[in-house]
């Protein structure tokens, strides 16, 4: 995940599906200097940990990117049947 996106999610009032090692998590804080995020699993708020921001994923945005890439290939005729 991009550090700017992680910061955006951390301050957003909207709950976003973010995962660390496949586990849904909550981002508490993002450290720009160290490029880390303080997170905890949604099922266990007491289990806080600090992880590299690049290790976080946002599954819904990954799927949106894949759909967008497929649409681009279809529109430029590069998809083979």
PDB file of N, CA and C in Angstrom:
ATOM      1  N   UNK A   1       0.845  -1.173   0.000  1.00  0.00           N
ATOM      2  CA  UNK A   1       0.000   0.000   0.000  1.00  0.00           C
ATOM      3  C   UNK A   1       0.891   1.237   0.000  1.00  0.00           C
ATOM      4  N   UNK A   2       0.424   2.249  -0.660  1.00  0.00           N
ATOM      5  CA  UNK A   2       1.094   3.538  -0.715  1.00  0.00           C
ATOM      6  C   UNK A   2       0.922   4.252   0.628  1.00  0.00           C
ATOM      7  N   UNK A   3       1.964   4.935   1.082  1.00  0.00           N
ATOM      8  CA  UNK A   3       1.920   5.597   2.383  1.00  0.00           C
ATOM      9  C   UNK A   3       0.833   6.675   2.442  1.00  0.00           C
ATOM     10  N   UNK A   4       0.622   7.387   1.344  1.00  0.00           N
ATOM     11  CA  UNK A   4      -0.412   8.417   1.340  1.00  0.00           C
ATOM     12  C   UNK A   4      -1.804   7.807   1.479  1.00  0.00           C
ATOM     13  N   UNK A   5      -2.019   6.664   0.850  1.00  0.00           N
ATOM     14  CA  UNK A   5      -3.313   5.987   0.973  1.00  0.00           C
ATOM     15  C   UNK A   5      -3.510   5.509   2.408  1.00  0.00           C
ATOM     16  N   UNK A   6      -2.469   4.981   3.027  1.00  0.00           N
ATOM     17  CA  UNK A   6      -2.556   4.520   4.413  1.00  0.00           C
ATOM     18  C   UNK A   6      -2.910   5.684   5.341  1.00  0.00           C
ATOM     19  N   UNK A   7      -2.306   6.844   5.139  1.00  0.00           N
ATOM     20  CA  UNK A   7      -2.615   8.021   5.957  1.00  0.00           C
ATOM     21  C   UNK A   7      -4.055   8.464   5.743  1.00  0.00           C
ATOM     22  N   UNK A   8      -4.509   8.411   4.496  1.00  0.00           N
ATOM     23  CA  UNK A   8      -5.882   8.780   4.173  1.00  0.00           C
ATOM     24  C   UNK A   8      -6.873   7.868   4.900  1.00  0.00           C
ATOM     25  N   UNK A   9      -6.594   6.570   4.878  1.00  0.00           N
ATOM     26  CA  UNK A   9      -7.462   5.602   5.554  1.00  0.00           C
ATOM     27  C   UNK A   9      -7.443   5.818   7.069  1.00  0.00           C
ATOM     28  N   UNK A  10      -6.266   6.084   7.623  1.00  0.00           N
ATOM     29  CA  UNK A  10      -6.128   6.250   9.072  1.00  0.00           C
ATOM     30  C   UNK A  10      -6.976   7.398   9.611  1.00  0.00           C
ATOM     31  N   UNK A  11      -7.137   8.460   8.851  1.00  0.00           N
ATOM     32  CA  UNK A  11      -7.905   9.619   9.336  1.00  0.00           C
ATOM     33  C   UNK A  11      -9.355   9.612   8.863  1.00  0.00           C
ATOM     34  N   UNK A  12      -9.708   8.676   7.998  1.00  0.00           N
ATOM     35  CA  UNK A  12     -11.057   8.619   7.452  1.00  0.00           C
ATOM     36  C   UNK A  12     -12.065   8.095   8.478  1.00  0.00           C
ATOM     37  N   UNK A  13     -13.262   8.685   8.513  1.00  0.00           N
ATOM     38  CA  UNK A  13     -14.308   8.171   9.406  1.00  0.00           C
ATOM     39  C   UNK A  13     -14.965   6.907   8.835  1.00  0.00           C
ATOM     40  N   UNK A  14     -14.663   6.601   7.572  1.00  0.00           N
ATOM     41  CA  UNK A  14     -15.244   5.435   6.901  1.00  0.00           C
ATOM     42  C   UNK A  14     -14.333   4.225   7.099  1.00  0.00           C
ATOM     43  N   UNK A  15     -14.933   3.100   7.486  1.00  0.00           N
ATOM     44  CA  UNK A  15     -14.163   1.872   7.677  1.00  0.00           C
ATOM     45  C   UNK A  15     -13.808   1.288   6.310  1.00  0.00           C
ATOM     46  N   UNK A  16     -12.521   1.100   6.069  1.00  0.00           N
ATOM     47  CA  UNK A  16     -12.031   0.583   4.795  1.00  0.00           C
ATOM     48  C   UNK A  16     -11.464  -0.808   5.025  1.00  0.00           C
ATOM     49  N   UNK A  17     -11.697  -1.710   4.077  1.00  0.00           N
ATOM     50  CA  UNK A  17     -11.181  -3.073   4.176  1.00  0.00           C
ATOM     51  C   UNK A  17      -9.685  -3.065   3.875  1.00  0.00           C
ATOM     52  N   UNK A  18      -8.880  -3.142   4.939  1.00  0.00           N
ATOM     53  CA  UNK A  18      -7.424  -3.202   4.822  1.00  0.00           C
ATOM     54  C   UNK A  18      -6.975  -4.469   5.525  1.00  0.00           C
ATOM     55  N   UNK A  19      -5.969  -5.114   4.942  1.00  0.00           N
ATOM     56  CA  UNK A  19      -5.507  -6.381   5.514  1.00  0.00           C
ATOM     57  C   UNK A  19      -3.997  -6.429   5.659  1.00  0.00           C
ATOM     58  N   UNK A  20      -3.593  -7.190   6.668  1.00  0.00           N
ATOM     59  CA  UNK A  20      -2.179  -7.479   6.900  1.00  0.00           C
ATOM     60  C   UNK A  20      -2.077  -8.998   6.987  1.00  0.00           C
ATOM     61  N   UNK A  21      -1.314  -9.589   6.104  1.00  0.00           N
ATOM     62  CA  UNK A  21      -1.223 -11.062   6.023  1.00  0.00           C
ATOM     63  C   UNK A  21      -2.608 -11.699   5.909  1.00  0.00           C
ATOM     64  N   UNK A  22      -3.504 -11.056   5.175  1.00  0.00           N
ATOM     65  CA  UNK A  22      -4.841 -11.595   4.961  1.00  0.00           C
ATOM     66  C   UNK A  22      -5.829 -11.334   6.077  1.00  0.00           C
ATOM     67  N   UNK A  23      -5.373 -10.732   7.173  1.00  0.00           N
ATOM     68  CA  UNK A  23      -6.226 -10.485   8.344  1.00  0.00           C
ATOM     69  C   UNK A  23      -6.759  -9.049   8.290  1.00  0.00           C
ATOM     70  N   UNK A  24      -8.081  -8.853   8.417  1.00  0.00           N
ATOM     71  CA  UNK A  24      -8.632  -7.493   8.450  1.00  0.00           C
ATOM     72  C   UNK A  24      -8.077  -6.715   9.648  1.00  0.00           C
ATOM     73  N   UNK A  25      -7.609  -5.498   9.375  1.00  0.00           N
ATOM     74  CA  UNK A  25      -6.981  -4.691  10.433  1.00  0.00           C
ATOM     75  C   UNK A  25      -7.530  -3.267  10.436  1.00  0.00           C
ATOM     76  N   UNK A  26      -7.202  -2.563  11.511  1.00  0.00           N
ATOM     77  CA  UNK A  26      -7.510  -1.150  11.665  1.00  0.00           C
ATOM     78  C   UNK A  26      -6.181  -0.401  11.739  1.00  0.00           C
ATOM     79  N   UNK A  27      -6.045   0.671  10.961  1.00  0.00           N
ATOM     80  CA  UNK A  27      -4.826   1.487  10.999  1.00  0.00           C
ATOM     81  C   UNK A  27      -5.017   2.596  12.026  1.00  0.00           C
ATOM     82  N   UNK A  28      -4.188   2.588  13.065  1.00  0.00           N
ATOM     83  CA  UNK A  28      -4.276   3.612  14.102  1.00  0.00           C
ATOM     84  C   UNK A  28      -3.453   4.845  13.762  1.00  0.00           C
ATOM     85  N   UNK A  29      -2.258   4.620  13.223  1.00  0.00           N
ATOM     86  CA  UNK A  29      -1.336   5.733  12.981  1.00  0.00           C
ATOM     87  C   UNK A  29      -0.348   5.341  11.893  1.00  0.00           C
ATOM     88  N   UNK A  30       0.071   6.320  11.099  1.00  0.00           N
ATOM     89  CA  UNK A  30       1.083   6.093  10.059  1.00  0.00           C
ATOM     90  C   UNK A  30       2.270   6.993  10.358  1.00  0.00           C
ATOM     91  N   UNK A  31       3.463   6.405  10.366  1.00  0.00           N
ATOM     92  CA  UNK A  31       4.710   7.140  10.607  1.00  0.00           C
ATOM     93  C   UNK A  31       5.393   7.368   9.259  1.00  0.00           C
ATOM     94  N   UNK A  32       5.358   8.617   8.777  1.00  0.00           N
ATOM     95  CA  UNK A  32       5.959   8.969   7.482  1.00  0.00           C
ATOM     96  C   UNK A  32       7.445   8.651   7.421  1.00  0.00           C
ATOM     97  N   UNK A  33       8.149   9.005   8.458  1.00  0.00           N
ATOM     98  CA  UNK A  33       9.600   8.851   8.475  1.00  0.00           C
ATOM     99  C   UNK A  33      10.022   7.393   8.364  1.00  0.00           C
ATOM    100  N   UNK A  34       9.381   6.555   9.139  1.00  0.00           N
ATOM    101  CA  UNK A  34       9.755   5.126   9.154  1.00  0.00           C
ATOM    102  C   UNK A  34       8.961   4.291   8.150  1.00  0.00           C
ATOM    103  N   UNK A  35       7.940   4.926   7.535  1.00  0.00           N
ATOM    104  CA  UNK A  35       7.056   4.256   6.583  1.00  0.00           C
ATOM    105  C   UNK A  35       6.429   3.001   7.201  1.00  0.00           C
ATOM    106  N   UNK A  36       5.939   3.184   8.435  1.00  0.00           N
ATOM    107  CA  UNK A  36       5.279   2.093   9.154  1.00  0.00           C
ATOM    108  C   UNK A  36       3.889   2.536   9.579  1.00  0.00           C
ATOM    109  N   UNK A  37       3.084   1.549   9.945  1.00  0.00           N
ATOM    110  CA  UNK A  37       1.743   1.827  10.454  1.00  0.00           C
ATOM    111  C   UNK A  37       1.534   1.047  11.736  1.00  0.00           C
ATOM    112  N   UNK A  38       0.887   1.692  12.712  1.00  0.00           N
ATOM    113  CA  UNK A  38       0.492   0.997  13.937  1.00  0.00           C
ATOM    114  C   UNK A  38      -0.913   0.465  13.682  1.00  0.00           C
ATOM    115  N   UNK A  39      -1.051  -0.851  13.780  1.00  0.00           N
ATOM    116  CA  UNK A  39      -2.316  -1.506  13.433  1.00  0.00           C
ATOM    117  C   UNK A  39      -2.754  -2.477  14.527  1.00  0.00           C
ATOM    118  N   UNK A  40      -3.998  -2.938  14.410  1.00  0.00           N
ATOM    119  CA  UNK A  40      -4.444  -4.070  15.228  1.00  0.00           C
ATOM    120  C   UNK A  40      -5.509  -4.835  14.445  1.00  0.00           C
ATOM    121  N   UNK A  41      -5.592  -6.146  14.679  1.00  0.00           N
ATOM    122  CA  UNK A  41      -6.632  -6.937  14.018  1.00  0.00           C
ATOM    123  C   UNK A  41      -8.008  -6.491  14.523  1.00  0.00           C
ATOM    124  N   UNK A  42      -8.993  -6.467  13.635  1.00  0.00           N
ATOM    125  CA  UNK A  42     -10.337  -6.052  14.044  1.00  0.00           C
ATOM    126  C   UNK A  42     -10.901  -6.965  15.122  1.00  0.00           C
ATOM    127  N   UNK A  43     -10.467  -8.212  15.132  1.00  0.00           N
ATOM    128  CA  UNK A  43     -10.980  -9.169  16.117  1.00  0.00           C
ATOM    129  C   UNK A  43     -10.265  -9.099  17.458  1.00  0.00           C
ATOM    130  N   UNK A  44      -9.142  -8.334  17.520  1.00  0.00           N
ATOM    131  CA  UNK A  44      -8.367  -8.279  18.763  1.00  0.00           C
ATOM    132  C   UNK A  44      -7.668  -6.926  18.923  1.00  0.00           C
ATOM    133  N   UNK A  45      -8.415  -5.877  19.314  1.00  0.00           N
ATOM    134  CA  UNK A  45      -7.835  -4.541  19.445  1.00  0.00           C
ATOM    135  C   UNK A  45      -6.653  -4.443  20.410  1.00  0.00           C
ATOM    136  N   UNK A  46      -6.506  -5.403  21.308  1.00  0.00           N
ATOM    137  CA  UNK A  46      -5.390  -5.381  22.256  1.00  0.00           C
ATOM    138  C   UNK A  46      -4.067  -5.808  21.613  1.00  0.00           C
ATOM    139  N   UNK A  47      -4.124  -6.382  20.430  1.00  0.00           N
ATOM    140  CA  UNK A  47      -2.929  -6.914  19.770  1.00  0.00           C
ATOM    141  C   UNK A  47      -2.343  -5.888  18.790  1.00  0.00           C
ATOM    142  N   UNK A  48      -1.886  -4.753  19.315  1.00  0.00           N
ATOM    143  CA  UNK A  48      -1.286  -3.709  18.487  1.00  0.00           C
ATOM    144  C   UNK A  48       0.096  -4.135  18.021  1.00  0.00           C
ATOM    145  N   UNK A  49       0.415  -3.730  16.795  1.00  0.00           N
ATOM    146  CA  UNK A  49       1.747  -3.995  16.261  1.00  0.00           C
ATOM    147  C   UNK A  49       2.093  -2.926  15.240  1.00  0.00           C
ATOM    148  N   UNK A  50       3.375  -2.775  14.956  1.00  0.00           N
ATOM    149  CA  UNK A  50       3.831  -1.818  13.954  1.00  0.00           C
ATOM    150  C   UNK A  50       4.385  -2.611  12.780  1.00  0.00           C
ATOM    151  N   UNK A  51       3.923  -2.267  11.576  1.00  0.00           N
ATOM    152  CA  UNK A  51       4.312  -3.016  10.380  1.00  0.00           C
ATOM    153  C   UNK A  51       4.679  -2.048   9.259  1.00  0.00           C
ATOM    154  N   UNK A  52       5.448  -2.507   8.260  1.00  0.00           N
ATOM    155  CA  UNK A  52       5.723  -1.651   7.095  1.00  0.00           C
ATOM    156  C   UNK A  52       4.424  -1.369   6.332  1.00  0.00           C
ATOM    157  N   UNK A  53       4.222  -0.130   5.953  1.00  0.00           N
ATOM    158  CA  UNK A  53       3.014   0.243   5.217  1.00  0.00           C
ATOM    159  C   UNK A  53       2.893  -0.578   3.937  1.00  0.00           C
ATOM    160  N   UNK A  54       4.005  -0.860   3.284  1.00  0.00           N
ATOM    161  CA  UNK A  54       3.962  -1.600   2.015  1.00  0.00           C
ATOM    162  C   UNK A  54       3.432  -3.028   2.179  1.00  0.00           C
ATOM    163  N   UNK A  55       3.356  -3.526   3.414  1.00  0.00           N
ATOM    164  CA  UNK A  55       2.835  -4.877   3.653  1.00  0.00           C
ATOM    165  C   UNK A  55       1.315  -4.905   3.826  1.00  0.00           C
ATOM    166  N   UNK A  56       0.686  -3.727   3.812  1.00  0.00           N
ATOM    167  CA  UNK A  56      -0.774  -3.651   3.947  1.00  0.00           C
ATOM    168  C   UNK A  56      -1.421  -3.729   2.567  1.00  0.00           C
ATOM    169  N   UNK A  57      -2.586  -4.359   2.502  1.00  0.00           N
ATOM    170  CA  UNK A  57      -3.308  -4.444   1.236  1.00  0.00           C
ATOM    171  C   UNK A  57      -4.739  -3.966   1.416  1.00  0.00           C
ATOM    172  N   UNK A  58      -5.288  -3.486   0.334  1.00  0.00           N
ATOM    173  CA  UNK A  58      -6.671  -3.036   0.298  1.00  0.00           C
ATOM    174  C   UNK A  58      -7.353  -3.854  -0.805  1.00  0.00           C
ATOM    175  N   UNK A  59      -7.924  -5.012  -0.441  1.00  0.00           N
ATOM    176  CA  UNK A  59      -8.466  -5.938  -1.442  1.00  0.00           C
ATOM    177  C   UNK A  59      -9.431  -5.312  -2.444  1.00  0.00           C
ATOM    178  N   UNK A  60     -10.306  -4.435  -2.002  1.00  0.00           N
ATOM    179  CA  UNK A  60     -11.284  -3.848  -2.925  1.00  0.00           C
ATOM    180  C   UNK A  60     -10.610  -2.985  -3.979  1.00  0.00           C
ATOM    181  N   UNK A  61      -9.517  -2.286  -3.640  1.00  0.00           N
ATOM    182  CA  UNK A  61      -8.834  -1.457  -4.625  1.00  0.00           C
ATOM    183  C   UNK A  61      -8.041  -2.325  -5.591  1.00  0.00           C
ATOM    184  N   UNK A  62      -7.555  -3.479  -5.136  1.00  0.00           N
ATOM    185  CA  UNK A  62      -6.839  -4.388  -6.016  1.00  0.00           C
ATOM    186  C   UNK A  62      -7.784  -4.898  -7.095  1.00  0.00           C
ATOM    187  N   UNK A  63      -8.983  -5.270  -6.686  1.00  0.00           N
ATOM    188  CA  UNK A  63      -9.956  -5.762  -7.659  1.00  0.00           C
ATOM    189  C   UNK A  63     -10.352  -4.645  -8.610  1.00  0.00           C
ATOM    190  N   UNK A  64     -10.530  -3.447  -8.107  1.00  0.00           N
ATOM    191  CA  UNK A  64     -10.897  -2.323  -8.969  1.00  0.00           C
ATOM    192  C   UNK A  64      -9.814  -2.058 -10.003  1.00  0.00           C
ATOM    193  N   UNK A  65      -8.533  -2.158  -9.596  1.00  0.00           N
ATOM    194  CA  UNK A  65      -7.438  -1.968 -10.544  1.00  0.00           C
ATOM    195  C   UNK A  65      -7.441  -3.043 -11.611  1.00  0.00           C
ATOM    196  N   UNK A  66      -7.692  -4.300 -11.219  1.00  0.00           N
ATOM    197  CA  UNK A  66      -7.716  -5.392 -12.180  1.00  0.00           C
ATOM    198  C   UNK A  66      -8.834  -5.200 -13.190  1.00  0.00           C
ATOM    199  N   UNK A  67     -10.005  -4.771 -12.729  1.00  0.00           N
ATOM    200  CA  UNK A  67     -11.134  -4.526 -13.630  1.00  0.00           C
ATOM    201  C   UNK A  67     -10.792  -3.386 -14.583  1.00  0.00           C
ATOM    202  N   UNK A  68     -10.185  -2.327 -14.059  1.00  0.00           N
ATOM    203  CA  UNK A  68      -9.815  -1.187 -14.886  1.00  0.00           C
ATOM    204  C   UNK A  68      -8.790  -1.589 -15.943  1.00  0.00           C
ATOM    205  N   UNK A  69      -7.794  -2.399 -15.565  1.00  0.00           N
ATOM    206  CA  UNK A  69      -6.786  -2.851 -16.515  1.00  0.00           C
ATOM    207  C   UNK A  69      -7.415  -3.709 -17.607  1.00  0.00           C
ATOM    208  N   UNK A  70      -8.346  -4.580 -17.235  1.00  0.00           N
ATOM    209  CA  UNK A  70      -9.031  -5.429 -18.202  1.00  0.00           C
ATOM    210  C   UNK A  70      -9.839  -4.568 -19.168  1.00  0.00           C
ATOM    211  N   UNK A  71     -10.526  -3.558 -18.642  1.00  0.00           N
ATOM    212  CA  UNK A  71     -11.320  -2.669 -19.495  1.00  0.00           C
ATOM    213  C   UNK A  71     -10.427  -1.932 -20.484  1.00  0.00           C
ATOM    214  N   UNK A  72      -9.242  -1.526 -20.055  1.00  0.00           N
ATOM    215  CA  UNK A  72      -8.303  -0.842 -20.947  1.00  0.00           C
ATOM    216  C   UNK A  72      -7.846  -1.775 -22.060  1.00  0.00           C
ATOM    217  N   UNK A  73      -7.570  -3.032 -21.711  1.00  0.00           N
ATOM    218  CA  UNK A  73      -7.127  -3.991 -22.734  1.00  0.00           C
ATOM    219  C   UNK A  73      -8.242  -4.276 -23.734  1.00  0.00           C
ATOM    220  N   UNK A  74      -9.471  -4.346 -23.245  1.00  0.00           N
ATOM    221  CA  UNK A  74     -10.605  -4.605 -24.136  1.00  0.00           C
ATOM    222  C   UNK A  74     -10.794  -3.410 -25.069  1.00  0.00           C
ATOM    223  N   UNK A  75     -10.712  -2.203 -24.533  1.00  0.00           N
ATOM    224  CA  UNK A  75     -10.947  -1.019 -25.353  1.00  0.00           C
ATOM    225  C   UNK A  75      -9.857  -0.799 -26.393  1.00  0.00           C
ATOM    226  N   UNK A  76      -8.638  -1.263 -26.127  1.00  0.00           N
ATOM    227  CA  UNK A  76      -7.590  -1.084 -27.143  1.00  0.00           C
ATOM    228  C   UNK A  76      -7.409  -2.332 -28.000  1.00  0.00           C
ATOM    229  N   UNK A  77      -8.273  -3.321 -27.804  1.00  0.00           N
ATOM    230  CA  UNK A  77      -8.270  -4.508 -28.656  1.00  0.00           C
ATOM    231  C   UNK A  77      -7.188  -5.521 -28.366  1.00  0.00           C
ATOM    232  N   UNK A  78      -6.536  -5.432 -27.200  1.00  0.00           N
ATOM    233  CA  UNK A  78      -5.417  -6.330 -26.924  1.00  0.00           C
ATOM    234  C   UNK A  78      -5.809  -7.623 -26.198  1.00  0.00           C
ATOM    235  N   UNK A  79      -7.102  -7.807 -25.907  1.00  0.00           N
ATOM    236  CA  UNK A  79      -7.530  -9.026 -25.239  1.00  0.00           C
ATOM    237  C   UNK A  79      -7.812 -10.086 -26.292  1.00  0.00           C
ATOM    238  N   UNK A  80      -7.200 -11.265 -26.092  1.00  0.00           N
ATOM    239  CA  UNK A  80      -7.395 -12.358 -27.033  1.00  0.00           C
ATOM    240  C   UNK A  80      -8.463 -13.298 -26.517  1.00  0.00           C
ATOM    241  N   UNK A  81      -9.236 -13.856 -27.419  1.00  0.00           N
ATOM    242  CA  UNK A  81     -10.290 -14.805 -27.031  1.00  0.00           C
ATOM    243  C   UNK A  81      -9.808 -16.218 -27.242  1.00  0.00           C
TER     244      UNK A  81
END
